Amino acid sequence: HKVERGETAFTIARLYDVSPRSLA
């Protein structure tokens, strides 16, 4: 996933239904 302006780890984690901690 390429981060776009305004996106956060929490919004990206919600998009793919994974936890922010695992994404980090």
mmCIF file of all heavy atoms, coordinates in Angstrom:
data_MODEL
# 
_entry.id   MODEL 
# 
loop_
_atom_site.group_PDB 
_atom_site.id 
_atom_site.type_symbol 
_atom_site.label_atom_id 
_atom_site.label_alt_id 
_atom_site.label_comp_id 
_atom_site.label_asym_id 
_atom_site.label_entity_id 
_atom_site.label_seq_id 
_atom_site.pdbx_PDB_ins_code 
_atom_site.Cartn_x 
_atom_site.Cartn_y 
_atom_site.Cartn_z 
_atom_site.occupancy 
_atom_site.B_iso_or_equiv 
_atom_site.pdbx_formal_charge 
_atom_site.auth_seq_id 
_atom_site.auth_comp_id 
_atom_site.auth_asym_id 
_atom_site.auth_atom_id 
_atom_site.pdbx_PDB_model_num 
ATOM 1   N N   . HIS A 1 1  ? 0.852   -1.195 0.000  1.00 0.00 ? 1  HIS A N   1 
ATOM 2   C CA  . HIS A 1 1  ? 0.000   0.000  0.000  1.00 0.00 ? 1  HIS A CA  1 
ATOM 3   C C   . HIS A 1 1  ? 0.882   1.237  0.000  1.00 0.00 ? 1  HIS A C   1 
ATOM 4   O O   . HIS A 1 1  ? 1.764   1.383  0.850  1.00 0.00 ? 1  HIS A O   1 
ATOM 5   C CB  . HIS A 1 1  ? -0.914  0.007  1.232  1.00 0.00 ? 1  HIS A CB  1 
ATOM 6   C CG  . HIS A 1 1  ? -1.808  1.219  1.293  1.00 0.00 ? 1  HIS A CG  1 
ATOM 7   N ND1 . HIS A 1 1  ? -3.093  1.212  0.780  1.00 0.00 ? 1  HIS A ND1 1 
ATOM 8   C CD2 . HIS A 1 1  ? -1.605  2.468  1.793  1.00 0.00 ? 1  HIS A CD2 1 
ATOM 9   C CE1 . HIS A 1 1  ? -3.636  2.403  0.966  1.00 0.00 ? 1  HIS A CE1 1 
ATOM 10  N NE2 . HIS A 1 1  ? -2.754  3.182  1.583  1.00 0.00 ? 1  HIS A NE2 1 
ATOM 11  N N   . LYS A 1 2  ? 0.634   2.136  -0.943 1.00 0.00 ? 2  LYS A N   1 
ATOM 12  C CA  . LYS A 1 2  ? 1.377   3.389  -1.017 1.00 0.00 ? 2  LYS A CA  1 
ATOM 13  C C   . LYS A 1 2  ? 0.613   4.455  -0.244 1.00 0.00 ? 2  LYS A C   1 
ATOM 14  O O   . LYS A 1 2  ? -0.551  4.745  -0.538 1.00 0.00 ? 2  LYS A O   1 
ATOM 15  C CB  . LYS A 1 2  ? 1.572   3.814  -2.474 1.00 0.00 ? 2  LYS A CB  1 
ATOM 16  C CG  . LYS A 1 2  ? 2.528   4.989  -2.642 1.00 0.00 ? 2  LYS A CG  1 
ATOM 17  C CD  . LYS A 1 2  ? 2.827   5.227  -4.114 1.00 0.00 ? 2  LYS A CD  1 
ATOM 18  C CE  . LYS A 1 2  ? 3.883   6.311  -4.289 1.00 0.00 ? 2  LYS A CE  1 
ATOM 19  N NZ  . LYS A 1 2  ? 4.223   6.523  -5.709 1.00 0.00 ? 2  LYS A NZ  1 
ATOM 20  N N   . VAL A 1 3  ? 1.260   5.035  0.745  1.00 0.00 ? 3  VAL A N   1 
ATOM 21  C CA  . VAL A 1 3  ? 0.597   6.001  1.624  1.00 0.00 ? 3  VAL A CA  1 
ATOM 22  C C   . VAL A 1 3  ? 0.306   7.291  0.857  1.00 0.00 ? 3  VAL A C   1 
ATOM 23  O O   . VAL A 1 3  ? 1.197   7.865  0.214  1.00 0.00 ? 3  VAL A O   1 
ATOM 24  C CB  . VAL A 1 3  ? 1.473   6.310  2.853  1.00 0.00 ? 3  VAL A CB  1 
ATOM 25  C CG1 . VAL A 1 3  ? 0.795   7.338  3.752  1.00 0.00 ? 3  VAL A CG1 1 
ATOM 26  C CG2 . VAL A 1 3  ? 1.758   5.027  3.631  1.00 0.00 ? 3  VAL A CG2 1 
ATOM 27  N N   . GLU A 1 4  ? -0.944  7.724  0.926  1.00 0.00 ? 4  GLU A N   1 
ATOM 28  C CA  . GLU A 1 4  ? -1.352  8.973  0.304  1.00 0.00 ? 4  GLU A CA  1 
ATOM 29  C C   . GLU A 1 4  ? -1.524  10.047 1.365  1.00 0.00 ? 4  GLU A C   1 
ATOM 30  O O   . GLU A 1 4  ? -1.636  9.760  2.564  1.00 0.00 ? 4  GLU A O   1 
ATOM 31  C CB  . GLU A 1 4  ? -2.656  8.770  -0.482 1.00 0.00 ? 4  GLU A CB  1 
ATOM 32  C CG  . GLU A 1 4  ? -2.535  7.761  -1.611 1.00 0.00 ? 4  GLU A CG  1 
ATOM 33  C CD  . GLU A 1 4  ? -3.841  7.576  -2.364 1.00 0.00 ? 4  GLU A CD  1 
ATOM 34  O OE1 . GLU A 1 4  ? -4.841  8.219  -1.970 1.00 0.00 ? 4  GLU A OE1 1 
ATOM 35  O OE2 . GLU A 1 4  ? -3.862  6.786  -3.323 1.00 0.00 ? 4  GLU A OE2 1 
ATOM 36  N N   . ARG A 1 5  ? -1.559  11.286 0.917  1.00 0.00 ? 5  ARG A N   1 
ATOM 37  C CA  . ARG A 1 5  ? -1.673  12.406 1.847  1.00 0.00 ? 5  ARG A CA  1 
ATOM 38  C C   . ARG A 1 5  ? -2.961  12.289 2.667  1.00 0.00 ? 5  ARG A C   1 
ATOM 39  O O   . ARG A 1 5  ? -4.031  12.006 2.136  1.00 0.00 ? 5  ARG A O   1 
ATOM 40  C CB  . ARG A 1 5  ? -1.668  13.728 1.091  1.00 0.00 ? 5  ARG A CB  1 
ATOM 41  C CG  . ARG A 1 5  ? -1.761  14.973 1.984  1.00 0.00 ? 5  ARG A CG  1 
ATOM 42  C CD  . ARG A 1 5  ? -1.528  16.233 1.194  1.00 0.00 ? 5  ARG A CD  1 
ATOM 43  N NE  . ARG A 1 5  ? -0.196  16.236 0.576  1.00 0.00 ? 5  ARG A NE  1 
ATOM 44  C CZ  . ARG A 1 5  ? 0.253   17.211 -0.217 1.00 0.00 ? 5  ARG A CZ  1 
ATOM 45  N NH1 . ARG A 1 5  ? -0.531  18.241 -0.493 1.00 0.00 ? 5  ARG A NH1 1 
ATOM 46  N NH2 . ARG A 1 5  ? 1.466   17.140 -0.745 1.00 0.00 ? 5  ARG A NH2 1 
ATOM 47  N N   . GLY A 1 6  ? -2.831  12.453 3.987  1.00 0.00 ? 6  GLY A N   1 
ATOM 48  C CA  . GLY A 1 6  ? -3.984  12.388 4.876  1.00 0.00 ? 6  GLY A CA  1 
ATOM 49  C C   . GLY A 1 6  ? -4.228  11.024 5.477  1.00 0.00 ? 6  GLY A C   1 
ATOM 50  O O   . GLY A 1 6  ? -5.014  10.896 6.413  1.00 0.00 ? 6  GLY A O   1 
ATOM 51  N N   . GLU A 1 7  ? -3.570  9.989  4.963  1.00 0.00 ? 7  GLU A N   1 
ATOM 52  C CA  . GLU A 1 7  ? -3.766  8.647  5.509  1.00 0.00 ? 7  GLU A CA  1 
ATOM 53  C C   . GLU A 1 7  ? -2.929  8.468  6.778  1.00 0.00 ? 7  GLU A C   1 
ATOM 54  O O   . GLU A 1 7  ? -1.852  9.038  6.912  1.00 0.00 ? 7  GLU A O   1 
ATOM 55  C CB  . GLU A 1 7  ? -3.386  7.580  4.484  1.00 0.00 ? 7  GLU A CB  1 
ATOM 56  C CG  . GLU A 1 7  ? -4.381  7.433  3.351  1.00 0.00 ? 7  GLU A CG  1 
ATOM 57  C CD  . GLU A 1 7  ? -4.066  6.255  2.456  1.00 0.00 ? 7  GLU A CD  1 
ATOM 58  O OE1 . GLU A 1 7  ? -2.862  6.062  2.140  1.00 0.00 ? 7  GLU A OE1 1 
ATOM 59  O OE2 . GLU A 1 7  ? -4.990  5.535  2.059  1.00 0.00 ? 7  GLU A OE2 1 
ATOM 60  N N   . THR A 1 8  ? -3.448  7.668  7.687  1.00 0.00 ? 8  THR A N   1 
ATOM 61  C CA  . THR A 1 8  ? -2.728  7.321  8.911  1.00 0.00 ? 8  THR A CA  1 
ATOM 62  C C   . THR A 1 8  ? -2.657  5.807  9.031  1.00 0.00 ? 8  THR A C   1 
ATOM 63  O O   . THR A 1 8  ? -3.333  5.074  8.297  1.00 0.00 ? 8  THR A O   1 
ATOM 64  C CB  . THR A 1 8  ? -3.440  7.888  10.154 1.00 0.00 ? 8  THR A CB  1 
ATOM 65  O OG1 . THR A 1 8  ? -4.703  7.216  10.326 1.00 0.00 ? 8  THR A OG1 1 
ATOM 66  C CG2 . THR A 1 8  ? -3.685  9.393  10.016 1.00 0.00 ? 8  THR A CG2 1 
ATOM 67  N N   . ALA A 1 9  ? -1.845  5.352  9.988  1.00 0.00 ? 9  ALA A N   1 
ATOM 68  C CA  . ALA A 1 9  ? -1.747  3.910  10.213 1.00 0.00 ? 9  ALA A CA  1 
ATOM 69  C C   . ALA A 1 9  ? -3.100  3.335  10.609 1.00 0.00 ? 9  ALA A C   1 
ATOM 70  O O   . ALA A 1 9  ? -3.424  2.197  10.271 1.00 0.00 ? 9  ALA A O   1 
ATOM 71  C CB  . ALA A 1 9  ? -0.707  3.624  11.294 1.00 0.00 ? 9  ALA A CB  1 
ATOM 72  N N   . PHE A 1 10 ? -3.917  4.130  11.304 1.00 0.00 ? 10 PHE A N   1 
ATOM 73  C CA  . PHE A 1 10 ? -5.210  3.636  11.762 1.00 0.00 ? 10 PHE A CA  1 
ATOM 74  C C   . PHE A 1 10 ? -6.205  3.530  10.607 1.00 0.00 ? 10 PHE A C   1 
ATOM 75  O O   . PHE A 1 10 ? -6.968  2.570  10.524 1.00 0.00 ? 10 PHE A O   1 
ATOM 76  C CB  . PHE A 1 10 ? -5.757  4.553  12.865 1.00 0.00 ? 10 PHE A CB  1 
ATOM 77  C CG  . PHE A 1 10 ? -4.923  4.544  14.113 1.00 0.00 ? 10 PHE A CG  1 
ATOM 78  C CD1 . PHE A 1 10 ? -3.907  5.481  14.301 1.00 0.00 ? 10 PHE A CD1 1 
ATOM 79  C CD2 . PHE A 1 10 ? -5.120  3.584  15.085 1.00 0.00 ? 10 PHE A CD2 1 
ATOM 80  C CE1 . PHE A 1 10 ? -3.117  5.465  15.443 1.00 0.00 ? 10 PHE A CE1 1 
ATOM 81  C CE2 . PHE A 1 10 ? -4.343  3.553  16.231 1.00 0.00 ? 10 PHE A CE2 1 
ATOM 82  C CZ  . PHE A 1 10 ? -3.333  4.498  16.412 1.00 0.00 ? 10 PHE A CZ  1 
ATOM 83  N N   . THR A 1 11 ? -6.210  4.501  9.695  1.00 0.00 ? 11 THR A N   1 
ATOM 84  C CA  . THR A 1 11 ? -7.132  4.418  8.561  1.00 0.00 ? 11 THR A CA  1 
ATOM 85  C C   . THR A 1 11 ? -6.733  3.295  7.609  1.00 0.00 ? 11 THR A C   1 
ATOM 86  O O   . THR A 1 11 ? -7.585  2.620  7.048  1.00 0.00 ? 11 THR A O   1 
ATOM 87  C CB  . THR A 1 11 ? -7.181  5.757  7.797  1.00 0.00 ? 11 THR A CB  1 
ATOM 88  O OG1 . THR A 1 11 ? -5.873  6.084  7.292  1.00 0.00 ? 11 THR A OG1 1 
ATOM 89  C CG2 . THR A 1 11 ? -7.657  6.878  8.708  1.00 0.00 ? 11 THR A CG2 1 
ATOM 90  N N   . ILE A 1 12 ? -5.425  3.090  7.441  1.00 0.00 ? 12 ILE A N   1 
ATOM 91  C CA  . ILE A 1 12 ? -4.966  2.012  6.558  1.00 0.00 ? 12 ILE A CA  1 
ATOM 92  C C   . ILE A 1 12 ? -5.264  0.658  7.188  1.00 0.00 ? 12 ILE A C   1 
ATOM 93  O O   . ILE A 1 12 ? -5.692  -0.284 6.515  1.00 0.00 ? 12 ILE A O   1 
ATOM 94  C CB  . ILE A 1 12 ? -3.464  2.177  6.260  1.00 0.00 ? 12 ILE A CB  1 
ATOM 95  C CG1 . ILE A 1 12 ? -3.224  3.461  5.462  1.00 0.00 ? 12 ILE A CG1 1 
ATOM 96  C CG2 . ILE A 1 12 ? -2.928  0.972  5.494  1.00 0.00 ? 12 ILE A CG2 1 
ATOM 97  C CD1 . ILE A 1 12 ? -1.768  3.817  5.275  1.00 0.00 ? 12 ILE A CD1 1 
ATOM 98  N N   . ALA A 1 13 ? -5.042  0.545  8.503  1.00 0.00 ? 13 ALA A N   1 
ATOM 99  C CA  . ALA A 1 13 ? -5.352  -0.713 9.194  1.00 0.00 ? 13 ALA A CA  1 
ATOM 100 C C   . ALA A 1 13 ? -6.833  -1.027 9.093  1.00 0.00 ? 13 ALA A C   1 
ATOM 101 O O   . ALA A 1 13 ? -7.234  -2.175 8.883  1.00 0.00 ? 13 ALA A O   1 
ATOM 102 C CB  . ALA A 1 13 ? -4.931  -0.618 10.662 1.00 0.00 ? 13 ALA A CB  1 
ATOM 103 N N   . ARG A 1 14 ? -7.687  -0.011 9.220  1.00 0.00 ? 14 ARG A N   1 
ATOM 104 C CA  . ARG A 1 14 ? -9.130  -0.232 9.105  1.00 0.00 ? 14 ARG A CA  1 
ATOM 105 C C   . ARG A 1 14 ? -9.503  -0.649 7.689  1.00 0.00 ? 14 ARG A C   1 
ATOM 106 O O   . ARG A 1 14 ? -10.383 -1.492 7.484  1.00 0.00 ? 14 ARG A O   1 
ATOM 107 C CB  . ARG A 1 14 ? -9.890  1.039  9.506  1.00 0.00 ? 14 ARG A CB  1 
ATOM 108 C CG  . ARG A 1 14 ? -11.409 0.896  9.458  1.00 0.00 ? 14 ARG A CG  1 
ATOM 109 C CD  . ARG A 1 14 ? -12.094 2.172  9.906  1.00 0.00 ? 14 ARG A CD  1 
ATOM 110 N NE  . ARG A 1 14 ? -11.898 2.432  11.316 1.00 0.00 ? 14 ARG A NE  1 
ATOM 111 C CZ  . ARG A 1 14 ? -12.691 1.957  12.264 1.00 0.00 ? 14 ARG A CZ  1 
ATOM 112 N NH1 . ARG A 1 14 ? -13.722 1.207  11.945 1.00 0.00 ? 14 ARG A NH1 1 
ATOM 113 N NH2 . ARG A 1 14 ? -12.456 2.225  13.521 1.00 0.00 ? 14 ARG A NH2 1 
ATOM 114 N N   . LEU A 1 15 ? -8.840  -0.066 6.677  1.00 0.00 ? 15 LEU A N   1 
ATOM 115 C CA  . LEU A 1 15 ? -9.138  -0.405 5.282  1.00 0.00 ? 15 LEU A CA  1 
ATOM 116 C C   . LEU A 1 15 ? -8.918  -1.883 5.017  1.00 0.00 ? 15 LEU A C   1 
ATOM 117 O O   . LEU A 1 15 ? -9.713  -2.539 4.340  1.00 0.00 ? 15 LEU A O   1 
ATOM 118 C CB  . LEU A 1 15 ? -8.258  0.435  4.348  1.00 0.00 ? 15 LEU A CB  1 
ATOM 119 C CG  . LEU A 1 15 ? -8.312  0.075  2.854  1.00 0.00 ? 15 LEU A CG  1 
ATOM 120 C CD1 . LEU A 1 15 ? -9.709  0.334  2.297  1.00 0.00 ? 15 LEU A CD1 1 
ATOM 121 C CD2 . LEU A 1 15 ? -7.282  0.887  2.080  1.00 0.00 ? 15 LEU A CD2 1 
ATOM 122 N N   . TYR A 1 16 ? -7.839  -2.451 5.580  1.00 0.00 ? 16 TYR A N   1 
ATOM 123 C CA  . TYR A 1 16 ? -7.506  -3.849 5.318  1.00 0.00 ? 16 TYR A CA  1 
ATOM 124 C C   . TYR A 1 16 ? -7.901  -4.776 6.466  1.00 0.00 ? 16 TYR A C   1 
ATOM 125 O O   . TYR A 1 16 ? -7.595  -5.961 6.436  1.00 0.00 ? 16 TYR A O   1 
ATOM 126 C CB  . TYR A 1 16 ? -6.003  -3.982 5.041  1.00 0.00 ? 16 TYR A CB  1 
ATOM 127 C CG  . TYR A 1 16 ? -5.572  -3.281 3.779  1.00 0.00 ? 16 TYR A CG  1 
ATOM 128 C CD1 . TYR A 1 16 ? -4.987  -2.012 3.825  1.00 0.00 ? 16 TYR A CD1 1 
ATOM 129 C CD2 . TYR A 1 16 ? -5.782  -3.857 2.532  1.00 0.00 ? 16 TYR A CD2 1 
ATOM 130 C CE1 . TYR A 1 16 ? -4.599  -1.355 2.668  1.00 0.00 ? 16 TYR A CE1 1 
ATOM 131 C CE2 . TYR A 1 16 ? -5.391  -3.209 1.365  1.00 0.00 ? 16 TYR A CE2 1 
ATOM 132 C CZ  . TYR A 1 16 ? -4.800  -1.960 1.444  1.00 0.00 ? 16 TYR A CZ  1 
ATOM 133 O OH  . TYR A 1 16 ? -4.422  -1.323 0.290  1.00 0.00 ? 16 TYR A OH  1 
ATOM 134 N N   . ASP A 1 17 ? -8.574  -4.231 7.479  1.00 0.00 ? 17 ASP A N   1 
ATOM 135 C CA  . ASP A 1 17 ? -9.063  -5.023 8.608  1.00 0.00 ? 17 ASP A CA  1 
ATOM 136 C C   . ASP A 1 17 ? -7.940  -5.775 9.313  1.00 0.00 ? 17 ASP A C   1 
ATOM 137 O O   . ASP A 1 17 ? -8.040  -6.967 9.590  1.00 0.00 ? 17 ASP A O   1 
ATOM 138 C CB  . ASP A 1 17 ? -10.159 -5.996 8.158  1.00 0.00 ? 17 ASP A CB  1 
ATOM 139 C CG  . ASP A 1 17 ? -11.048 -6.425 9.327  1.00 0.00 ? 17 ASP A CG  1 
ATOM 140 O OD1 . ASP A 1 17 ? -11.017 -5.751 10.364 1.00 0.00 ? 17 ASP A OD1 1 
ATOM 141 O OD2 . ASP A 1 17 ? -11.758 -7.428 9.194  1.00 0.00 ? 17 ASP A OD2 1 
ATOM 142 N N   . VAL A 1 18 ? -6.851  -5.064 9.573  1.00 0.00 ? 18 VAL A N   1 
ATOM 143 C CA  . VAL A 1 18 ? -5.767  -5.588 10.395 1.00 0.00 ? 18 VAL A CA  1 
ATOM 144 C C   . VAL A 1 18 ? -5.584  -4.633 11.565 1.00 0.00 ? 18 VAL A C   1 
ATOM 145 O O   . VAL A 1 18 ? -6.072  -3.498 11.536 1.00 0.00 ? 18 VAL A O   1 
ATOM 146 C CB  . VAL A 1 18 ? -4.446  -5.723 9.606  1.00 0.00 ? 18 VAL A CB  1 
ATOM 147 C CG1 . VAL A 1 18 ? -4.602  -6.710 8.463  1.00 0.00 ? 18 VAL A CG1 1 
ATOM 148 C CG2 . VAL A 1 18 ? -3.976  -4.368 9.073  1.00 0.00 ? 18 VAL A CG2 1 
ATOM 149 N N   . SER A 1 19 ? -4.899  -5.044 12.597 1.00 0.00 ? 19 SER A N   1 
ATOM 150 C CA  . SER A 1 19 ? -4.698  -4.172 13.749 1.00 0.00 ? 19 SER A CA  1 
ATOM 151 C C   . SER A 1 19 ? -3.575  -3.181 13.458 1.00 0.00 ? 19 SER A C   1 
ATOM 152 O O   . SER A 1 19 ? -2.603  -3.515 12.767 1.00 0.00 ? 19 SER A O   1 
ATOM 153 C CB  . SER A 1 19 ? -4.358  -4.992 14.988 1.00 0.00 ? 19 SER A CB  1 
ATOM 154 O OG  . SER A 1 19 ? -3.073  -5.564 14.870 1.00 0.00 ? 19 SER A OG  1 
ATOM 155 N N   . PRO A 1 20 ? -3.674  -1.949 13.968 1.00 0.00 ? 20 PRO A N   1 
ATOM 156 C CA  . PRO A 1 20 ? -2.578  -0.984 13.789 1.00 0.00 ? 20 PRO A CA  1 
ATOM 157 C C   . PRO A 1 20 ? -1.261  -1.505 14.342 1.00 0.00 ? 20 PRO A C   1 
ATOM 158 O O   . PRO A 1 20 ? -0.199  -1.219 13.793 1.00 0.00 ? 20 PRO A O   1 
ATOM 159 C CB  . PRO A 1 20 ? -3.071  0.250  14.557 1.00 0.00 ? 20 PRO A CB  1 
ATOM 160 C CG  . PRO A 1 20 ? -4.557  0.135  14.567 1.00 0.00 ? 20 PRO A CG  1 
ATOM 161 C CD  . PRO A 1 20 ? -4.838  -1.336 14.650 1.00 0.00 ? 20 PRO A CD  1 
ATOM 162 N N   . ARG A 1 21 ? -1.323  -2.288 15.432 1.00 0.00 ? 21 ARG A N   1 
ATOM 163 C CA  . ARG A 1 21 ? -0.089  -2.808 16.023 1.00 0.00 ? 21 ARG A CA  1 
ATOM 164 C C   . ARG A 1 21 ? 0.620   -3.764 15.056 1.00 0.00 ? 21 ARG A C   1 
ATOM 165 O O   . ARG A 1 21 ? 1.843   -3.707 14.892 1.00 0.00 ? 21 ARG A O   1 
ATOM 166 C CB  . ARG A 1 21 ? -0.387  -3.510 17.342 1.00 0.00 ? 21 ARG A CB  1 
ATOM 167 C CG  . ARG A 1 21 ? 0.855   -4.066 18.029 1.00 0.00 ? 21 ARG A CG  1 
ATOM 168 C CD  . ARG A 1 21 ? 0.510   -4.676 19.372 1.00 0.00 ? 21 ARG A CD  1 
ATOM 169 N NE  . ARG A 1 21 ? -0.031  -3.677 20.281 1.00 0.00 ? 21 ARG A NE  1 
ATOM 170 C CZ  . ARG A 1 21 ? 0.720   -2.841 20.990 1.00 0.00 ? 21 ARG A CZ  1 
ATOM 171 N NH1 . ARG A 1 21 ? 2.039   -2.907 20.896 1.00 0.00 ? 21 ARG A NH1 1 
ATOM 172 N NH2 . ARG A 1 21 ? 0.160   -1.975 21.799 1.00 0.00 ? 21 ARG A NH2 1 
ATOM 173 N N   . SER A 1 22 ? -0.142  -4.676 14.415 1.00 0.00 ? 22 SER A N   1 
ATOM 174 C CA  . SER A 1 22 ? 0.492   -5.601 13.474 1.00 0.00 ? 22 SER A CA  1 
ATOM 175 C C   . SER A 1 22 ? 1.040   -4.856 12.263 1.00 0.00 ? 22 SER A C   1 
ATOM 176 O O   . SER A 1 22 ? 2.092   -5.204 11.735 1.00 0.00 ? 22 SER A O   1 
ATOM 177 C CB  . SER A 1 22 ? -0.500  -6.682 13.035 1.00 0.00 ? 22 SER A CB  1 
ATOM 178 O OG  . SER A 1 22 ? -1.587  -6.122 12.312 1.00 0.00 ? 22 SER A OG  1 
ATOM 179 N N   . LEU A 1 23 ? 0.320   -3.803 11.829 1.00 0.00 ? 23 LEU A N   1 
ATOM 180 C CA  . LEU A 1 23 ? 0.823   -2.987 10.715 1.00 0.00 ? 23 LEU A CA  1 
ATOM 181 C C   . LEU A 1 23 ? 2.147   -2.331 11.104 1.00 0.00 ? 23 LEU A C   1 
ATOM 182 O O   . LEU A 1 23 ? 3.091   -2.290 10.308 1.00 0.00 ? 23 LEU A O   1 
ATOM 183 C CB  . LEU A 1 23 ? -0.206  -1.925 10.347 1.00 0.00 ? 23 LEU A CB  1 
ATOM 184 C CG  . LEU A 1 23 ? 0.106   -1.065 9.117  1.00 0.00 ? 23 LEU A CG  1 
ATOM 185 C CD1 . LEU A 1 23 ? 0.018   -1.895 7.850  1.00 0.00 ? 23 LEU A CD1 1 
ATOM 186 C CD2 . LEU A 1 23 ? -0.849  0.125  9.030  1.00 0.00 ? 23 LEU A CD2 1 
ATOM 187 N N   . ALA A 1 24 ? 2.228   -1.843 12.340 1.00 0.00 ? 24 ALA A N   1 
ATOM 188 C CA  . ALA A 1 24 ? 3.458   -1.208 12.812 1.00 0.00 ? 24 ALA A CA  1 
ATOM 189 C C   . ALA A 1 24 ? 4.590   -2.215 12.944 1.00 0.00 ? 24 ALA A C   1 
ATOM 190 O O   . ALA A 1 24 ? 5.738   -1.931 12.581 1.00 0.00 ? 24 ALA A O   1 
ATOM 191 C CB  . ALA A 1 24 ? 3.196   -0.522 14.154 1.00 0.00 ? 24 ALA A CB  1 
# 
